């Protein structure tokens, strides 16, 4: 007979009372349910023990790997637990440190008294970055930046405190290393900015040479004409001084032959031409000086119409044949900032459009400038292939470029973005609805 099969009658052979067999079945079922519950409780308990052990190991690994000193104290200041950093610092084991007053770690009676006063006064609120002197394992006195946080029960009762600390020497070394890294970064950034500026200056060479050649050519031509006129005038004046009053007819003939009247009539035009050439040369040199000083942010009123015209002219002079730039600018687009820095931005945008449209049969860039909502807005729209969607979000990242190696540093747009931000403006990019790329430059209107 199996354990789950109820007996047919009692042990003495007497029959079971009516319904007794059903009662026995119910008892057996209850015993099975209890047994199943016990098995489930045991499985759950084992899982919780495993999770608890895993949590304990995790906490133990965190405490061991901490470089900062960690001390867990009761509410009376007795040490309950420490990490390996404190053991290494103090030269004592965990067993030697546990159940000893935390204040015994401090350097002397004065420090212990100050620590007791600070912890008692701010224990409920916590102590943050307070410097104390602790006694190290080798007997030396070490300044330590300490933090103390209260440890509360679920009902808000103070159970103790958690104290962390880091030797100030380590902090000073870390700050020194951080400062050195920051200085190196600034120096590298300055070098990159200088390199990018030199690249931009290189683009100007052809355009500036052409710009300077015209005024210098007609200044030189006028000077050569004046030299010829000088010899004629010298001959005529020598004749005037050597001739007496009776020979006026001969002087008149000589005046006609040397074309003295024509020279006198031509002189103002020659001088005006030289003045104009000198002024144009001065303006070009002045623009170069402003551009070469892009690192100096000297706020001034900037006429963007002139900056756009100058930037386009200088880029087009050095561009491949066929690159056409159309401008549609509202008059007097004024903003405040650095003319040289903004010229660097505009030249970069025009040059990028020139590079992007190089493969087109008729490369073209349109620049539209308007005053919109208190901002001067310039739209640079080219007819190139556009910008891949995956690249739109990275265009202004340093060193990101889609150009072949050796044809771009990936810094032009990043530097331009920074310049525009310093001017209180915004530089963005998108693909035009008709194709091609569109860069939008917005700058605050000059007030």
Protein backbone atom coordinates (compact mmCIF):
# COMPACT_ATOMS: atom_id res chain seq x y z
CA UNK A 1 0.00 0.00 0.00
CA UNK A 2 1.47 3.43 -1.06
CA UNK A 3 1.85 6.30 1.42
CA UNK A 4 -0.87 8.31 -0.32
CA UNK A 5 -3.45 5.49 -0.29
CA UNK A 6 -5.67 5.56 2.80
CA UNK A 7 -6.11 2.27 4.75
CA UNK A 8 -9.28 0.31 4.15
CA UNK A 9 -9.92 -0.09 7.90
CA UNK A 10 -8.28 0.33 11.27
CA UNK A 11 -5.33 -1.75 12.43
CA UNK A 12 -7.58 -4.10 14.45
CA UNK A 13 -9.51 -4.87 11.28
CA UNK A 14 -12.59 -2.82 12.18
CA UNK A 15 -14.03 -0.90 9.26
CA UNK A 16 -13.58 2.90 8.88
CA UNK A 17 -16.57 5.00 9.79
CA UNK A 18 -18.50 6.56 6.94
CA UNK A 19 -16.54 9.53 5.42
CA UNK A 20 -13.28 8.51 7.14
CA UNK A 21 -11.53 7.74 3.87
CA UNK A 22 -12.24 11.25 2.51
CA UNK A 23 -10.89 12.85 5.68
CA UNK A 24 -7.71 10.87 5.35
CA UNK A 25 -7.28 12.04 1.72
CA UNK A 26 -7.71 15.68 2.79
CA UNK A 27 -5.06 15.25 5.50
CA UNK A 28 -2.61 13.83 2.97
CA UNK A 29 -3.31 16.74 0.54
CA UNK A 30 -2.70 19.30 3.29
CA UNK A 31 0.58 17.59 4.13
CA UNK A 32 1.60 17.78 0.43
CA UNK A 33 0.74 21.50 0.30
CA UNK A 34 2.75 22.23 3.45
CA UNK A 35 5.68 20.24 2.07
CA UNK A 36 5.54 22.18 -1.25
CA UNK A 37 5.40 25.48 0.65
CA UNK A 38 8.45 24.46 2.67
CA UNK A 39 10.32 23.61 -0.53
CA UNK A 40 9.42 27.01 -2.06
CA UNK A 41 10.45 28.82 1.13
CA UNK A 42 13.74 26.95 1.10
CA UNK A 43 14.40 27.83 -2.55
CA UNK A 44 13.53 31.49 -1.92
CA UNK A 45 15.75 31.53 1.16
CA UNK A 46 18.65 30.09 -0.80
CA UNK A 47 18.16 32.70 -3.54
CA UNK A 48 18.10 35.50 -0.97
CA UNK A 49 21.20 34.12 0.70
CA UNK A 50 22.94 34.02 -2.68
CA UNK A 51 21.86 37.61 -3.44
CA UNK A 52 22.97 38.69 0.03
CA UNK A 53 26.32 37.03 -0.45
CA UNK A 54 26.71 38.66 -3.86
CA UNK A 55 25.82 42.07 -2.40
CA UNK A 56 28.27 41.50 0.43
CA UNK A 57 31.02 40.63 -2.03
CA UNK A 58 30.17 43.67 -4.14
CA UNK A 59 30.30 46.02 -1.16
CA UNK A 60 33.50 44.39 0.00
CA UNK A 61 35.10 44.88 -3.43
CA UNK A 62 34.00 48.55 -3.51
CA UNK A 63 35.41 49.21 -0.04
CA UNK A 64 38.66 47.46 -0.94
CA UNK A 65 39.12 49.37 -4.18
CA UNK A 66 38.42 52.80 -2.68
CA UNK A 67 41.49 55.00 -2.61
CA UNK A 68 39.89 57.36 -0.08
CA UNK A 69 39.85 56.60 3.64
CA UNK A 70 36.50 55.19 4.81
CA UNK A 71 35.41 54.83 8.45
CA UNK A 72 32.00 53.69 9.68
CA UNK A 73 31.34 54.74 13.29
CA UNK A 74 28.57 54.31 15.82
CA UNK A 75 26.89 57.35 17.33
CA UNK A 76 29.50 57.49 20.11
CA UNK A 77 32.38 57.65 17.64
CA UNK A 78 33.45 54.03 17.98
CA UNK A 79 34.85 52.51 14.80
CA UNK A 80 32.68 49.70 13.43
CA UNK A 81 34.25 49.14 10.01
CA UNK A 82 37.15 50.49 7.95
CA UNK A 83 38.50 49.93 4.46
CA UNK A 84 41.95 48.89 3.32
CA UNK A 85 43.01 52.49 2.57
CA UNK A 86 42.74 53.42 6.25
CA UNK A 87 44.58 50.25 7.25
CA UNK A 88 47.40 51.14 4.87
CA UNK A 89 47.42 54.77 6.05
CA UNK A 90 47.41 54.00 9.78
CA UNK A 91 49.58 50.88 9.62
CA UNK A 92 47.00 48.92 11.66
CA UNK A 93 44.75 45.99 10.79
CA UNK A 94 40.97 46.12 10.78
CA UNK A 95 40.81 44.14 14.05
CA UNK A 96 43.11 46.66 15.75
CA UNK A 97 41.04 49.62 14.54
CA UNK A 98 37.54 48.28 15.23
CA UNK A 99 35.88 49.26 18.52
CA UNK A 100 38.43 52.05 19.09
CA UNK A 101 37.44 55.75 19.14
CA UNK A 102 37.75 57.40 15.75
CA UNK A 103 39.31 60.43 17.44
CA UNK A 104 42.39 58.35 18.32
CA UNK A 105 43.35 58.65 14.64
CA UNK A 106 43.91 62.40 14.93
CA UNK A 107 47.43 63.79 15.37
CA UNK A 108 47.28 65.28 18.87
CA UNK A 109 44.96 66.43 21.64
CA UNK A 110 44.31 69.77 19.93
CA UNK A 111 43.18 68.08 16.72
CA UNK A 112 41.08 65.55 18.65
CA UNK A 113 39.38 68.37 20.54
CA UNK A 114 38.70 70.30 17.34
CA UNK A 115 37.36 67.20 15.62
CA UNK A 116 34.99 66.42 18.50
CA UNK A 117 33.72 70.00 18.46
CA UNK A 118 33.20 70.05 14.65
CA UNK A 119 31.56 66.61 14.51
CA UNK A 120 29.25 67.34 17.43
CA UNK A 121 28.23 70.71 16.00
CA UNK A 122 27.70 69.61 12.39
CA UNK A 123 27.15 65.87 12.84
CA UNK A 124 23.46 66.05 11.94
CA UNK A 125 24.11 68.25 8.89
CA UNK A 126 27.36 66.66 7.83
CA UNK A 127 30.91 67.97 7.56
CA UNK A 128 32.26 68.79 4.11
CA UNK A 129 35.90 69.28 3.07
CA UNK A 130 37.18 70.06 6.52
CA UNK A 131 40.96 69.70 6.87
CA UNK A 132 42.34 67.81 9.91
CA UNK A 133 45.77 66.45 10.79
CA UNK A 134 45.91 62.66 11.24
CA UNK A 135 48.74 60.48 12.55
CA UNK A 136 50.04 58.17 9.83
CA UNK A 137 51.47 54.70 10.44
CA UNK A 138 55.05 55.97 10.17
CA UNK A 139 54.37 58.56 12.90
CA UNK A 140 54.20 61.55 10.56
CA UNK A 141 51.43 64.14 10.66
CA UNK A 142 49.41 64.24 7.43
CA UNK A 143 46.74 66.83 6.49
CA UNK A 144 43.56 65.07 5.37
CA UNK A 145 40.45 66.62 3.79
CA UNK A 146 37.55 64.89 5.58
CA UNK A 147 33.81 64.56 5.04
CA UNK A 148 31.33 63.26 7.60
CA UNK A 149 27.79 62.11 6.80
CA UNK A 150 25.23 61.05 9.44
CA UNK A 151 23.93 57.47 9.31
CA UNK A 152 20.21 57.38 10.13
CA UNK A 153 17.73 54.60 10.76
CA UNK A 154 14.45 54.25 8.91
CA UNK A 155 12.75 56.22 11.69
CA UNK A 156 15.32 59.04 11.42
CA UNK A 157 17.25 58.06 14.54
CA UNK A 158 20.99 58.78 14.47
CA UNK A 159 22.81 55.45 14.22
CA UNK A 160 26.31 56.79 13.67
CA UNK A 161 28.35 58.44 10.96
CA UNK A 162 30.35 57.66 7.85
CA UNK A 163 33.68 59.46 7.57
CA UNK A 164 35.68 59.71 4.35
CA UNK A 165 38.97 61.46 3.77
CA UNK A 166 41.77 62.00 1.30
CA UNK A 167 45.28 63.19 2.10
CA UNK A 168 45.59 66.79 0.95
CA UNK A 169 48.92 66.00 -0.69
CA UNK A 170 47.14 63.73 -3.14
CA UNK A 171 44.57 66.43 -3.85
CA UNK A 172 47.29 68.97 -4.45
CA UNK A 173 49.06 66.60 -6.80
CA UNK A 174 45.79 65.91 -8.61
CA UNK A 175 45.04 69.65 -8.90
CA UNK A 176 48.57 70.27 -10.11
CA UNK A 177 48.22 67.55 -12.75
CA UNK A 178 44.82 68.96 -13.76
CA UNK A 179 46.26 72.46 -14.01
CA UNK A 180 49.15 71.18 -16.12
CA UNK A 181 46.75 69.30 -18.39
CA UNK A 182 44.62 72.45 -18.72
CA UNK A 183 47.68 74.55 -19.59
CA UNK A 184 48.78 71.96 -22.15
CA UNK A 185 45.28 71.95 -23.64
CA UNK A 186 45.24 75.76 -23.88
CA UNK A 187 48.67 75.76 -25.47
CA UNK A 188 47.62 73.07 -27.97
CA UNK A 189 44.43 74.96 -28.73
CA UNK A 190 46.44 78.11 -29.36
CA UNK A 191 48.71 76.22 -31.72
CA UNK A 192 45.72 74.79 -33.58
CA UNK A 193 44.12 78.22 -33.83
CA UNK A 194 47.36 79.63 -35.17
CA UNK A 195 47.62 76.79 -37.69
CA UNK A 196 44.06 77.35 -38.87
CA UNK A 197 44.69 81.09 -39.13
CA UNK A 198 47.79 80.41 -41.24
CA UNK A 199 45.67 78.20 -43.50
CA UNK A 200 43.19 81.05 -43.88
CA UNK A 201 46.00 83.51 -44.55
CA UNK A 202 47.33 81.20 -47.24
CA UNK A 203 44.01 81.44 -49.05
CA UNK A 204 44.43 85.20 -49.19
CA UNK A 205 47.74 85.25 -51.03
CA UNK A 206 46.41 85.06 -54.59
CA UNK A 207 43.53 87.44 -53.90
CA UNK A 208 45.62 89.98 -52.04
CA UNK A 209 48.36 89.89 -54.71
CA UNK A 210 45.73 90.71 -57.33
CA UNK A 211 44.16 93.39 -55.15
CA UNK A 212 47.49 95.10 -54.46
CA UNK A 213 48.71 94.74 -58.05
CA UNK A 214 46.04 97.05 -59.50
CA UNK A 215 46.57 100.15 -57.31
CA UNK A 216 50.34 99.70 -57.29
CA UNK A 217 50.35 99.40 -61.12
CA UNK A 218 48.64 102.67 -61.80
CA UNK A 219 50.56 104.43 -59.01
CA UNK A 220 53.77 103.25 -60.69
CA UNK A 221 52.47 104.27 -64.14
CA UNK A 222 51.56 107.74 -62.93
CA UNK A 223 54.97 108.16 -61.28
CA UNK A 224 56.70 107.26 -64.57
CA UNK A 225 54.53 109.81 -66.38
CA UNK A 226 55.44 112.43 -63.80
CA UNK A 227 59.12 111.66 -64.33
CA UNK A 228 58.75 112.36 -68.06
CA UNK A 229 56.81 115.50 -67.30
CA UNK A 230 59.55 116.50 -64.90
CA UNK A 231 62.16 116.61 -67.67
CA UNK A 232 59.91 118.70 -69.89
CA UNK A 233 59.04 121.12 -67.14
CA UNK A 234 62.70 121.37 -66.16
CA UNK A 235 63.69 122.25 -69.74
CA UNK A 236 60.93 124.80 -70.05
CA UNK A 237 61.67 126.49 -66.72
CA UNK A 238 65.39 126.62 -67.51
CA UNK A 239 64.53 128.32 -70.78
CA UNK A 240 62.24 130.77 -68.98
CA UNK A 241 64.98 131.81 -66.57
CA UNK A 242 67.64 132.06 -69.33
CA UNK A 243 65.56 134.11 -71.78
CA UNK A 244 64.95 137.86 -71.56
CA UNK A 245 61.53 139.39 -71.87
CA UNK A 246 61.93 140.09 -75.62
CA UNK A 247 61.88 136.44 -76.55
CA UNK A 248 58.29 135.66 -75.44
CA UNK A 249 57.44 134.29 -78.88
CA UNK A 250 60.19 131.67 -78.60
CA UNK A 251 58.93 130.67 -75.14
CA UNK A 252 55.43 130.28 -76.48
CA UNK A 253 56.70 128.03 -79.25
CA UNK A 254 58.68 126.00 -76.75
CA UNK A 255 55.62 125.76 -74.47
CA UNK A 256 53.58 124.32 -77.33
CA UNK A 257 56.30 121.91 -78.37
CA UNK A 258 56.75 120.55 -74.81
CA UNK A 259 52.96 120.46 -74.31
CA UNK A 260 53.26 122.30 -71.00
CA UNK A 261 49.54 123.12 -70.90
CA UNK A 262 48.63 119.47 -71.43
CA UNK A 263 51.02 118.50 -68.65
CA UNK A 264 49.44 121.03 -66.29
CA UNK A 265 45.96 119.75 -67.16
CA UNK A 266 47.03 116.10 -66.70
CA UNK A 267 48.83 116.64 -63.39
CA UNK A 268 45.70 116.75 -61.14
CA UNK A 269 44.44 113.47 -62.64
CA UNK A 270 47.80 111.78 -62.11
CA UNK A 271 47.97 112.97 -58.52
CA UNK A 272 44.34 111.92 -57.86
CA UNK A 273 45.11 108.47 -59.31
CA UNK A 274 48.13 108.06 -57.08
CA UNK A 275 46.14 109.16 -54.04
CA UNK A 276 43.37 106.68 -54.90
CA UNK A 277 45.88 103.87 -55.41
CA UNK A 278 47.61 104.69 -52.13
CA UNK A 279 44.27 104.75 -50.28
CA UNK A 280 43.23 101.41 -51.79
CA UNK A 281 46.56 99.91 -50.83
CA UNK A 282 46.17 101.30 -47.32
CA UNK A 283 42.68 99.79 -47.03
CA UNK A 284 43.93 96.39 -48.17
CA UNK A 285 46.81 96.49 -45.73
CA UNK A 286 44.46 97.65 -42.97
CA UNK A 287 42.12 94.73 -43.71
CA UNK A 288 45.08 92.35 -43.53
CA UNK A 289 46.15 93.83 -40.21
CA UNK A 290 42.64 93.35 -38.82
CA UNK A 291 42.53 89.79 -40.10
CA UNK A 292 45.96 88.97 -38.66
CA UNK A 293 44.75 90.14 -35.24
CA UNK A 294 41.79 87.72 -35.05
CA UNK A 295 42.90 86.54 -31.61
CA UNK A 296 42.25 90.01 -30.18
CA UNK A 297 38.57 90.49 -29.52
CA UNK A 298 38.26 94.30 -29.77
CA UNK A 299 34.55 95.12 -30.08
CA UNK A 300 33.80 97.57 -32.87
CA UNK A 301 30.99 98.35 -35.23
CA UNK A 302 31.25 95.93 -38.14
CA UNK A 303 29.65 96.50 -41.52
CA UNK A 304 28.92 92.95 -42.66
CA UNK A 305 28.25 94.14 -46.22
CA UNK A 306 31.90 95.18 -46.52
CA UNK A 307 33.17 92.04 -44.76
CA UNK A 308 31.13 89.79 -47.07
CA UNK A 309 32.31 91.65 -50.17
CA UNK A 310 35.96 91.48 -49.07
CA UNK A 311 35.75 87.79 -48.08
CA UNK A 312 34.10 86.78 -51.36
CA UNK A 313 36.60 88.77 -53.41
CA UNK A 314 39.63 87.26 -51.71
CA UNK A 315 38.36 83.67 -51.89
CA UNK A 316 37.23 83.95 -55.51
CA UNK A 317 40.63 85.33 -56.58
CA UNK A 318 42.29 82.09 -55.43
CA UNK A 319 39.42 79.76 -56.39
CA UNK A 320 39.20 77.56 -59.44
CA UNK A 321 37.80 79.17 -62.56
CA UNK A 322 34.04 79.19 -62.84
CA UNK A 323 33.11 79.56 -59.15
CA UNK A 324 30.38 82.21 -59.02
CA UNK A 325 29.10 83.95 -55.89
CA UNK A 326 25.81 85.85 -55.99
CA UNK A 327 25.08 88.28 -53.15
CA UNK A 328 21.72 89.68 -52.12
CA UNK A 329 22.36 91.78 -49.04
CA UNK A 330 20.14 94.34 -47.38
CA UNK A 331 21.92 97.70 -46.89
CA UNK A 332 23.75 98.50 -43.64
CA UNK A 333 23.94 95.06 -42.04
CA UNK A 334 25.68 96.17 -38.84
CA UNK A 335 26.76 94.17 -35.82
CA UNK A 336 29.27 94.59 -33.01
CA UNK A 337 32.40 92.51 -32.69
CA UNK A 338 35.75 91.87 -34.34
CA UNK A 339 35.92 92.53 -38.07
CA UNK A 340 38.93 90.23 -38.45
CA UNK A 341 37.32 87.30 -36.63
CA UNK A 342 34.06 87.62 -38.56
CA UNK A 343 36.01 87.81 -41.82
CA UNK A 344 37.71 84.53 -40.90
CA UNK A 345 34.26 82.95 -40.37
CA UNK A 346 32.87 84.25 -43.67
CA UNK A 347 35.96 83.28 -45.64
CA UNK A 348 35.75 79.77 -44.18
CA UNK A 349 32.09 79.42 -45.20
CA UNK A 350 32.76 80.72 -48.71
CA UNK A 351 35.84 78.49 -49.10
CA UNK A 352 33.89 75.42 -47.90
CA UNK A 353 31.19 76.17 -50.48
CA UNK A 354 33.88 76.53 -53.15
CA UNK A 355 35.35 73.13 -52.21
CA UNK A 356 31.92 71.46 -51.99
CA UNK A 357 30.84 72.64 -55.45
CA UNK A 358 34.13 71.88 -57.21
CA UNK A 359 32.64 68.81 -58.90
CA UNK A 360 29.63 70.71 -60.30
CA UNK A 361 29.48 71.88 -63.91
CA UNK A 362 28.57 75.42 -62.78
CA UNK A 363 29.69 75.85 -59.15
CA UNK A 364 27.66 78.57 -57.49
CA UNK A 365 27.08 80.09 -54.05
CA UNK A 366 24.29 82.46 -53.07
CA UNK A 367 24.65 84.72 -50.03
CA UNK A 368 21.43 86.31 -48.77
CA UNK A 369 21.55 88.79 -45.89
CA UNK A 370 18.57 90.19 -44.03
CA UNK A 371 17.60 91.81 -40.71
CA UNK A 372 15.27 89.42 -38.87
CA UNK A 373 13.98 89.76 -35.28
CA UNK A 374 16.86 91.86 -34.02
CA UNK A 375 19.45 89.64 -35.74
CA UNK A 376 21.53 89.98 -38.88
CA UNK A 377 21.03 86.68 -40.71
CA UNK A 378 23.26 85.51 -43.55
CA UNK A 379 22.32 82.42 -45.58
CA UNK A 380 25.09 80.66 -47.55
CA UNK A 381 23.39 78.36 -50.09
CA UNK A 382 25.49 76.31 -52.53
CA UNK A 383 24.56 73.95 -55.35
CA UNK A 384 26.84 71.14 -54.20
CA UNK A 385 25.86 67.57 -53.29
CA UNK A 386 24.71 68.55 -49.77
CA UNK A 387 25.66 67.12 -46.39
CA UNK A 388 24.97 63.46 -45.47
CA UNK A 389 22.40 63.25 -42.68
CA UNK A 390 24.78 61.30 -40.42
CA UNK A 391 27.29 64.16 -40.64
CA UNK A 392 24.96 67.07 -39.88
CA UNK A 393 25.26 66.64 -36.11
CA UNK A 394 29.07 66.50 -36.19
CA UNK A 395 29.97 69.36 -38.54
CA UNK A 396 31.16 71.66 -35.77
CA UNK A 397 33.14 69.04 -33.85
CA UNK A 398 36.90 69.70 -33.73
CA UNK A 399 38.91 67.63 -36.25
CA UNK A 400 35.79 66.30 -38.00
CA UNK A 401 36.15 66.66 -41.76
CA UNK A 402 34.80 64.95 -44.86
CA UNK A 403 37.68 66.19 -47.02
CA UNK A 404 40.49 63.85 -48.11
CA UNK A 405 43.60 63.60 -45.95
CA UNK A 406 45.81 66.64 -46.44
CA UNK A 407 43.00 68.89 -47.69
CA UNK A 408 41.40 69.84 -44.40
CA UNK A 409 42.14 69.96 -40.68
CA UNK A 410 38.57 69.69 -39.47
CA UNK A 411 39.05 72.87 -37.42
CA UNK A 412 37.61 75.58 -39.67
CA UNK A 413 33.95 75.13 -38.78
CA UNK A 414 34.75 74.37 -35.14
CA UNK A 415 36.73 77.60 -34.75
CA UNK A 416 34.09 79.54 -36.69
CA UNK A 417 31.39 78.16 -34.39
CA UNK A 418 33.35 79.33 -31.34
CA UNK A 419 33.89 82.81 -32.82
CA UNK A 420 30.18 83.21 -33.59
CA UNK A 421 29.24 82.07 -30.07
CA UNK A 422 31.62 84.65 -28.55
CA UNK A 423 29.82 87.28 -30.62
CA UNK A 424 26.49 86.19 -29.12
CA UNK A 425 25.33 84.64 -32.39
CA UNK A 426 24.56 81.22 -33.79
CA UNK A 427 25.94 79.16 -36.68
CA UNK A 428 23.92 76.23 -38.00
CA UNK A 429 23.75 74.01 -41.08
CA UNK A 430 21.15 72.08 -43.00
CA UNK A 431 20.42 70.72 -46.45
CA UNK A 432 18.41 72.96 -48.76
CA UNK A 433 15.06 71.76 -50.11
CA UNK A 434 16.38 72.04 -53.67
CA UNK A 435 19.64 70.27 -52.83
CA UNK A 436 22.98 71.59 -51.74
CA UNK A 437 24.06 72.74 -48.30
CA UNK A 438 22.90 75.83 -46.45
CA UNK A 439 24.79 77.47 -43.60
CA UNK A 440 22.97 80.07 -41.52
CA UNK A 441 24.90 82.73 -39.61
CA UNK A 442 22.91 84.89 -37.15
CA UNK A 443 24.49 87.80 -35.24
CA UNK A 444 22.93 90.39 -32.92
CA UNK A 445 22.15 93.71 -34.59
CA UNK A 446 24.37 96.64 -33.59
CA UNK A 447 22.39 98.73 -31.09
